[in-house]
Amino acid sequence: MNVQHQFIDKSFSTHQLEKMKQGNSASNADYEFLTQSEFDKLRRMCLTIEYHEKGKVSNYKGFSADEPAGQMIQKMLNDRLVKWIGPHNIDFFAFNEAIEPWKIHADLRWHETKIPYKMVLVPMDVEAIDNTTSDPWIPTYTIAFDQRDYLEDSTNTGESHAGNDGPYATTGKTRICDKPGTHHLKPGYHITHEEHEKYMSHFPYDHLDSLTIDNIFEWKPRSAGYWDNNQMHCADNFIKRGIKTKKCLMICTLL
């Protein structure tokens, strides 16, 4: 089964929005989430799978919790995830290979009845431009912001866009502060030029207008980080750091 992203232009119901907001929390990281043997097993899977879905920003292989790979991962991590993020259901698992740094976006997709919850990222590999994997890894990060998007600006056309890059992730033409329906903006607040240059130089500084940083998660072996599906986040400019590509396991959850 090939689990593919589908972005549908529709709005959530009032009930869905209320439940989603009740499940919101700050993002978090655990730098000892996996044992070494668990990390080694998942990394072997990640490095040997074939990416069936290819985008401009990343390559992607998704699978459900009912498939053999999903069953194995759920058996390995379910109790730990419940303890960490609370009761949840699995929407899908995916191995992701980053090609270009993601710009600011939320992972939220419309569902008719489901309640999107949290996205869990488990780093698997960081490959340098010379095709080597150093020990320790070249430092690289995921940045989570306090701002959120609940698809309230949807025009409800019902049109569907297939792919793994999603709206706003590749073009960078829409500033988050200009996007209707963005919550928790802080007009007049400016993330420092130093933070922009260190982490986010792959998009213009003014795209950070009115945004505030919730968490900066460093990719390390055995670690994991999570944020809400409606929460704005982005990659760092890993290419500038001498990284060719980086790979991770994504766990998309529902309430």
Protein backbone atom coordinates (compact mmCIF):
# COMPACT_ATOMS: atom_id res chain seq x y z
CA MET A 1 0.00 0.00 0.00
CA ASN A 2 1.35 3.44 -0.94
CA VAL A 3 0.10 6.01 1.56
CA GLN A 4 0.13 9.29 -0.32
CA HIS A 5 -0.48 12.82 0.89
CA GLN A 6 -3.74 14.34 -0.32
CA PHE A 7 -4.34 18.02 0.41
CA ILE A 8 -8.06 18.77 0.03
CA ASP A 9 -9.41 22.33 0.03
CA LYS A 10 -12.05 22.00 2.75
CA SER A 11 -12.57 23.25 6.30
CA PHE A 12 -12.86 21.30 9.54
CA SER A 13 -16.14 21.18 11.45
CA THR A 14 -16.57 23.17 14.65
CA HIS A 15 -16.39 19.92 16.63
CA GLN A 16 -13.12 18.92 14.95
CA LEU A 17 -11.59 22.34 15.62
CA GLU A 18 -12.57 22.25 19.29
CA LYS A 19 -11.10 18.78 19.78
CA MET A 20 -7.95 19.69 17.87
CA LYS A 21 -7.34 22.79 19.98
CA GLN A 22 -7.92 20.81 23.18
CA GLY A 23 -5.11 18.47 22.11
CA ASN A 24 -2.61 21.26 21.44
CA SER A 25 0.57 21.54 23.48
CA ALA A 26 4.06 22.96 23.15
CA SER A 27 6.47 20.96 21.01
CA ASN A 28 8.97 18.72 22.75
CA ALA A 29 12.09 16.60 22.22
CA ASP A 30 13.49 13.45 23.82
CA TYR A 31 17.15 12.79 23.09
CA GLU A 32 17.02 9.22 24.43
CA PHE A 33 13.75 8.16 22.80
CA LEU A 34 15.16 4.99 21.18
CA THR A 35 17.54 2.35 22.43
CA GLN A 36 20.62 1.85 20.28
CA SER A 37 19.31 -1.46 18.92
CA GLU A 38 15.94 0.12 18.05
CA PHE A 39 17.67 2.99 16.29
CA ASP A 40 19.91 0.60 14.33
CA LYS A 41 16.91 -1.51 13.23
CA LEU A 42 14.83 1.47 12.09
CA ARG A 43 17.83 3.07 10.38
CA ARG A 44 18.49 -0.10 8.37
CA MET A 45 14.87 -0.03 7.22
CA CYS A 46 15.11 3.65 6.32
CA LEU A 47 18.32 3.24 4.30
CA THR A 48 17.07 0.26 2.28
CA ILE A 49 13.47 1.20 1.39
CA GLU A 50 12.46 2.48 -2.04
CA TYR A 51 10.88 5.93 -2.10
CA HIS A 52 7.73 5.64 -4.23
CA GLU A 53 6.62 9.26 -3.85
CA LYS A 54 9.07 11.89 -5.02
CA GLY A 55 8.71 15.66 -4.57
CA LYS A 56 10.75 18.79 -5.10
CA VAL A 57 11.49 19.08 -1.40
CA SER A 58 11.56 15.45 -0.25
CA ASN A 59 11.14 11.81 -1.17
CA TYR A 60 8.60 9.83 0.78
CA LYS A 61 7.52 6.27 1.53
CA GLY A 62 4.35 6.00 3.58
CA PHE A 63 2.64 2.98 5.07
CA SER A 64 -0.28 2.29 7.38
CA ALA A 65 -0.28 0.74 10.83
CA ASP A 66 -1.82 -2.41 9.30
CA GLU A 67 1.14 -3.13 7.02
CA PRO A 68 3.99 -5.33 8.31
CA ALA A 69 6.42 -2.41 8.70
CA GLY A 70 3.77 -0.36 10.49
CA GLN A 71 2.87 -3.24 12.80
CA MET A 72 6.53 -3.68 13.74
CA ILE A 73 7.04 0.02 14.49
CA GLN A 74 3.80 0.28 16.44
CA LYS A 75 4.71 -2.76 18.55
CA MET A 76 8.14 -1.23 19.23
CA LEU A 77 7.00 2.30 20.08
CA ASN A 78 3.31 2.30 21.05
CA ASP A 79 3.65 2.24 24.85
CA ARG A 80 6.41 4.85 24.76
CA LEU A 81 4.40 7.14 22.49
CA VAL A 82 1.29 6.88 24.67
CA LYS A 83 3.36 7.81 27.71
CA TRP A 84 4.97 10.72 25.85
CA ILE A 85 2.13 12.29 23.85
CA GLY A 86 -0.93 10.68 25.44
CA PRO A 87 -3.65 8.42 23.96
CA HIS A 88 -3.79 8.59 20.16
CA ASN A 89 -4.36 6.68 16.94
CA ILE A 90 -1.92 6.27 14.07
CA ASP A 91 -2.79 8.05 10.83
CA PHE A 92 0.30 6.79 8.98
CA PHE A 93 4.03 6.15 9.23
CA ALA A 94 6.50 7.43 6.65
CA PHE A 95 10.19 7.45 5.90
CA ASN A 96 11.20 10.83 4.51
CA GLU A 97 14.35 11.89 2.66
CA ALA A 98 14.89 15.65 2.58
CA ILE A 99 16.25 17.05 -0.69
CA GLU A 100 15.78 20.76 -0.05
CA PRO A 101 15.10 22.53 3.26
CA TRP A 102 11.40 22.88 3.99
CA LYS A 103 10.15 26.43 4.39
CA ILE A 104 7.57 27.40 7.04
CA HIS A 105 4.44 25.26 6.91
CA ALA A 106 2.03 23.18 9.00
CA ASP A 107 1.52 19.45 8.41
CA LEU A 108 -2.25 19.77 8.66
CA ARG A 109 -4.44 18.03 6.09
CA TRP A 110 -8.23 18.01 6.01
CA HIS A 111 -10.09 14.89 7.17
CA GLU A 112 -13.85 14.46 7.04
CA THR A 113 -14.17 12.93 10.51
CA LYS A 114 -10.65 12.41 11.93
CA ILE A 115 -9.03 14.75 14.46
CA PRO A 116 -5.38 15.52 13.55
CA TYR A 117 -3.08 15.39 16.58
CA LYS A 118 0.74 15.38 16.65
CA MET A 119 3.56 14.70 14.22
CA VAL A 120 6.50 12.78 15.67
CA LEU A 121 9.87 13.02 13.89
CA VAL A 122 12.55 10.38 14.54
CA PRO A 123 15.90 11.25 12.85
CA MET A 124 17.49 8.33 11.01
CA ASP A 125 20.46 9.62 9.02
CA VAL A 126 22.38 12.77 8.07
CA GLU A 127 24.47 12.45 4.90
CA ALA A 128 27.19 14.95 4.03
CA ILE A 129 27.71 16.37 0.54
CA ASP A 130 30.64 13.96 0.08
CA ASN A 131 28.15 11.05 0.61
CA THR A 132 29.51 10.15 4.05
CA THR A 133 27.76 9.93 7.40
CA SER A 134 29.94 11.45 10.10
CA ASP A 135 29.98 10.53 13.77
CA PRO A 136 28.69 12.69 15.35
CA TRP A 137 26.27 13.92 12.69
CA ILE A 138 26.71 17.35 11.17
CA PRO A 139 24.40 19.54 13.32
CA THR A 140 20.96 20.05 11.76
CA TYR A 141 17.64 21.18 13.20
CA THR A 142 13.86 21.42 12.95
CA ILE A 143 12.39 24.72 14.15
CA ALA A 144 8.86 24.83 15.60
CA PHE A 145 6.97 28.12 15.94
CA ASP A 146 4.14 29.13 18.27
CA GLN A 147 1.87 30.03 15.35
CA ARG A 148 -0.85 27.69 14.12
CA ASP A 149 -3.07 27.09 11.09
CA TYR A 150 -6.43 25.29 11.22
CA LEU A 151 -7.28 25.55 7.47
CA GLU A 152 -9.83 28.24 8.26
CA ASP A 153 -8.87 30.09 5.08
CA SER A 154 -10.01 27.16 2.92
CA THR A 155 -12.39 28.10 0.11
CA ASN A 156 -14.11 24.70 0.32
CA THR A 157 -13.79 23.87 -3.35
CA GLY A 158 -13.08 20.25 -2.49
CA GLU A 159 -10.21 20.26 -4.95
CA SER A 160 -7.46 17.77 -4.15
CA HIS A 161 -3.72 18.18 -4.54
CA ALA A 162 -1.66 14.99 -4.42
CA GLY A 163 1.95 15.06 -3.38
CA ASN A 164 4.27 15.28 -0.41
CA ASP A 165 5.33 18.93 -0.63
CA GLY A 166 2.07 20.55 0.41
CA PRO A 167 0.88 24.15 0.15
CA TYR A 168 3.38 26.92 1.00
CA ALA A 169 6.26 24.49 1.54
CA THR A 170 8.10 25.00 -1.73
CA THR A 171 7.28 28.39 -3.22
CA GLY A 172 7.88 30.50 -0.14
CA LYS A 173 5.78 33.21 -1.79
CA THR A 174 3.23 33.46 1.03
CA ARG A 175 4.47 34.88 4.31
CA ILE A 176 2.82 33.18 7.26
CA CYS A 177 1.87 36.55 8.77
CA ASP A 178 -0.03 37.37 5.55
CA LYS A 179 -1.85 34.03 5.43
CA PRO A 180 -5.50 34.37 6.55
CA GLY A 181 -6.41 32.27 9.55
CA THR A 182 -2.95 32.13 11.12
CA HIS A 183 -3.25 32.11 14.93
CA HIS A 184 -1.01 33.61 17.65
CA LEU A 185 0.83 36.11 15.46
CA LYS A 186 2.75 38.76 17.41
CA PRO A 187 2.82 41.91 15.25
CA GLY A 188 5.98 43.90 15.77
CA TYR A 189 7.97 40.93 17.09
CA HIS A 190 11.16 40.08 15.22
CA ILE A 191 13.22 36.91 15.50
CA THR A 192 16.85 38.01 15.47
CA HIS A 193 18.91 38.30 12.31
CA GLU A 194 21.44 35.99 13.97
CA GLU A 195 18.83 33.24 14.41
CA HIS A 196 17.68 33.69 10.83
CA GLU A 197 21.23 33.44 9.49
CA LYS A 198 22.10 30.45 11.68
CA TYR A 199 19.01 28.36 11.00
CA MET A 200 16.70 29.74 8.32
CA SER A 201 18.69 31.51 5.61
CA HIS A 202 16.90 29.47 2.90
CA PHE A 203 14.01 31.96 2.96
CA PRO A 204 13.84 35.76 3.35
CA TYR A 205 14.12 37.29 6.82
CA ASP A 206 10.78 39.10 6.46
CA HIS A 207 9.01 35.71 6.27
CA LEU A 208 9.62 35.56 10.03
CA ASP A 209 7.61 38.72 10.71
CA SER A 210 5.29 38.28 13.73
CA LEU A 211 6.50 34.71 14.34
CA THR A 212 7.94 33.38 17.60
CA ILE A 213 10.05 30.27 18.13
CA ASP A 214 8.63 27.51 20.32
CA ASN A 215 11.46 24.98 20.05
CA ILE A 216 14.65 24.23 18.10
CA PHE A 217 15.06 20.46 17.88
CA GLU A 218 18.52 19.15 17.01
CA TRP A 219 18.68 15.92 15.01
CA LYS A 220 20.65 13.29 16.92
CA PRO A 221 20.76 9.48 16.76
CA ARG A 222 18.13 7.88 19.07
CA SER A 223 16.25 11.19 19.47
CA ALA A 224 12.69 12.20 18.60
CA GLY A 225 10.72 15.42 18.51
CA TYR A 226 7.04 16.25 18.12
CA TRP A 227 4.78 19.19 17.33
CA ASP A 228 1.06 19.57 16.69
CA ASN A 229 -0.12 18.95 13.14
CA ASN A 230 -1.50 22.50 13.06
CA GLN A 231 1.78 24.03 14.27
CA MET A 232 4.05 26.03 11.96
CA HIS A 233 7.58 24.68 11.60
CA CYS A 234 10.45 24.48 9.13
CA ALA A 235 13.78 22.83 8.45
CA ASP A 236 17.09 24.54 8.92
CA ASN A 237 19.20 25.40 5.88
CA PHE A 238 20.98 22.06 6.02
CA ILE A 239 22.53 22.43 2.57
CA LYS A 240 24.46 25.44 3.84
CA ARG A 241 25.81 23.18 6.59
CA GLY A 242 27.34 20.77 4.08
CA ILE A 243 24.53 18.22 4.26
CA LYS A 244 23.37 16.51 1.06
CA THR A 245 20.27 14.88 2.52
CA LYS A 246 18.79 13.83 5.83
CA LYS A 247 16.32 11.04 6.53
CA CYS A 248 13.76 10.47 9.25
CA LEU A 249 10.79 8.41 10.33
CA MET A 250 7.57 10.42 10.59
CA ILE A 251 4.69 9.24 12.77
CA CYS A 252 1.45 11.12 12.06
CA THR A 253 -1.12 10.72 14.82
CA LEU A 254 -4.83 11.36 15.37
CA LEU A 255 -6.98 11.85 18.46
